[in-house]
Amino acid sequence: MIDKPRGEWMTEDKKKENLDNVAKDILTRLLIKKTFNKIKMCNTAKEIWKKLIQLCEGNEQTKENKLSIATQKFDNVKMKTGETTTDFNERVSSIVIELEALGKVYPTREVILKVMRGLSKE
């Protein structure tokens, strides 16, 4: 934010304020009411962004817990009875994407081996 009275703002200050308003509008436009209510007290786009990161990603302990759960899902993935190979592959891909978002990347070879081992005998 600009730390001087509005009456003293120069053209550059007005542009910064306008850009901040545009960014705030973009960040808040598609939020559901529940999420919007959690960020509506933020004054700048930067504050909104930080709050959204905190709400979506959580703190370090939350991230570690999410990573642990996703890793466990990957380690224990097996094809379900009646599940198609396409559905199983999509489920594994979803877990891999979740892990990558949390910072853990498995080599393609390991993912393929996991899929092969997880296939049912049928």
Protein backbone atom coordinates (compact mmCIF):
# COMPACT_ATOMS: atom_id res chain seq x y z
CA MET A 1 0.00 0.00 0.00
CA ILE A 2 0.99 3.60 -0.55
CA ASP A 3 1.98 5.31 2.71
CA LYS A 4 0.91 8.88 1.96
CA PRO A 5 -2.43 10.71 1.87
CA ARG A 6 -4.42 10.34 -1.35
CA GLY A 7 -4.09 14.06 -2.01
CA GLU A 8 -0.32 13.64 -2.37
CA TRP A 9 -0.47 10.67 -4.74
CA MET A 10 1.39 10.97 -8.01
CA THR A 11 0.35 9.28 -11.27
CA GLU A 12 2.53 6.26 -10.43
CA ASP A 13 0.82 5.88 -7.03
CA LYS A 14 -2.60 5.95 -8.68
CA LYS A 15 -1.51 3.27 -11.16
CA LYS A 16 -0.27 1.05 -8.31
CA GLU A 17 -3.57 1.46 -6.46
CA ASN A 18 -5.52 0.64 -9.61
CA LEU A 19 -3.40 -2.47 -10.28
CA ASP A 20 -3.92 -3.59 -6.70
CA ASN A 21 -7.69 -3.15 -7.10
CA VAL A 22 -7.63 -5.15 -10.34
CA ALA A 23 -5.62 -7.93 -8.67
CA LYS A 24 -8.01 -7.99 -5.68
CA ASP A 25 -10.95 -8.25 -8.06
CA ILE A 26 -9.36 -11.16 -9.92
CA LEU A 27 -8.50 -12.98 -6.69
CA THR A 28 -11.96 -12.60 -5.17
CA ARG A 29 -14.25 -12.87 -8.19
CA LEU A 30 -14.65 -16.66 -8.24
CA LEU A 31 -14.33 -17.45 -4.55
CA ILE A 32 -17.17 -19.23 -2.85
CA LYS A 33 -18.86 -17.23 -0.09
CA LYS A 34 -17.24 -19.27 2.69
CA THR A 35 -13.73 -18.54 1.39
CA PHE A 36 -14.54 -14.93 0.54
CA ASN A 37 -15.68 -14.33 4.12
CA LYS A 38 -12.24 -15.46 5.32
CA ILE A 39 -10.35 -12.98 3.14
CA LYS A 40 -12.70 -10.01 2.99
CA MET A 41 -10.81 -8.14 5.74
CA CYS A 42 -7.59 -8.15 3.69
CA ASN A 43 -6.66 -4.71 2.36
CA THR A 44 -4.30 -5.58 -0.48
CA ALA A 45 -3.99 -8.22 -3.18
CA LYS A 46 -0.79 -9.42 -1.50
CA GLU A 47 -2.62 -9.94 1.82
CA ILE A 48 -5.41 -11.82 -0.01
CA TRP A 49 -2.86 -14.02 -1.80
CA LYS A 50 -1.04 -14.89 1.44
CA LYS A 51 -4.35 -15.71 3.17
CA LEU A 52 -5.48 -17.92 0.27
CA ILE A 53 -2.17 -19.80 0.37
CA GLN A 54 -2.59 -20.33 4.10
CA LEU A 55 -6.19 -21.51 3.66
CA CYS A 56 -5.45 -23.84 0.75
CA GLU A 57 -2.04 -25.22 1.65
CA GLY A 58 -2.00 -24.92 5.41
CA ASN A 59 1.08 -24.65 7.60
CA GLU A 60 4.16 -26.89 7.41
CA GLN A 61 2.65 -29.54 9.69
CA THR A 62 -0.49 -29.70 7.54
CA LYS A 63 1.64 -30.04 4.39
CA GLU A 64 3.64 -32.86 6.00
CA ASN A 65 0.42 -34.65 6.99
CA LYS A 66 -1.00 -34.29 3.47
CA LEU A 67 2.25 -35.61 2.00
CA SER A 68 2.27 -38.55 4.39
CA ILE A 69 -1.33 -39.47 3.51
CA ALA A 70 -0.73 -39.12 -0.24
CA THR A 71 2.45 -41.22 0.00
CA GLN A 72 0.55 -43.89 1.88
CA LYS A 73 -2.19 -43.84 -0.80
CA PHE A 74 0.46 -44.30 -3.49
CA ASP A 75 2.22 -47.11 -1.60
CA ASN A 76 -1.04 -49.01 -1.04
CA VAL A 77 -2.80 -48.41 -4.35
CA LYS A 78 -4.42 -51.52 -5.80
CA MET A 79 -6.98 -51.99 -8.51
CA LYS A 80 -10.48 -52.33 -7.06
CA THR A 81 -12.85 -55.14 -7.99
CA GLY A 82 -14.79 -54.12 -11.09
CA GLU A 83 -12.54 -51.12 -11.75
CA THR A 84 -11.39 -50.67 -15.34
CA THR A 85 -7.71 -50.25 -16.12
CA THR A 86 -8.49 -46.74 -17.39
CA ASP A 87 -10.17 -45.80 -14.11
CA PHE A 88 -7.32 -47.33 -12.13
CA ASN A 89 -4.74 -45.47 -14.20
CA GLU A 90 -6.64 -42.19 -13.67
CA ARG A 91 -6.76 -42.82 -9.92
CA VAL A 92 -3.00 -43.46 -9.79
CA SER A 93 -2.37 -40.36 -11.93
CA SER A 94 -4.48 -38.32 -9.53
CA ILE A 95 -2.40 -39.52 -6.58
CA VAL A 96 0.85 -38.78 -8.46
CA ILE A 97 -0.36 -35.25 -9.29
CA GLU A 98 -1.30 -34.71 -5.64
CA LEU A 99 2.18 -35.86 -4.57
CA GLU A 100 3.86 -33.58 -7.11
CA ALA A 101 1.83 -30.62 -5.83
CA LEU A 102 3.15 -31.43 -2.36
CA GLY A 103 6.73 -31.56 -3.64
CA LYS A 104 7.30 -35.30 -3.99
CA VAL A 105 8.06 -36.50 -7.51
CA TYR A 106 8.29 -40.18 -8.39
CA PRO A 107 10.26 -41.27 -11.46
CA THR A 108 8.03 -42.41 -14.33
CA ARG A 109 9.51 -45.90 -14.10
CA GLU A 110 8.44 -46.22 -10.46
CA VAL A 111 4.90 -45.05 -11.27
CA ILE A 112 4.63 -47.57 -14.11
CA LEU A 113 5.86 -50.37 -11.86
CA LYS A 114 3.33 -49.34 -9.20
CA VAL A 115 0.53 -49.47 -11.78
CA MET A 116 1.67 -52.88 -13.03
CA ARG A 117 1.88 -54.29 -9.50
CA GLY A 118 -1.50 -52.82 -8.59
CA LEU A 119 -3.39 -54.41 -11.48
CA SER A 120 -5.81 -57.19 -10.61
CA LYS A 121 -5.18 -60.69 -11.94
CA GLU A 122 -8.19 -60.46 -14.24
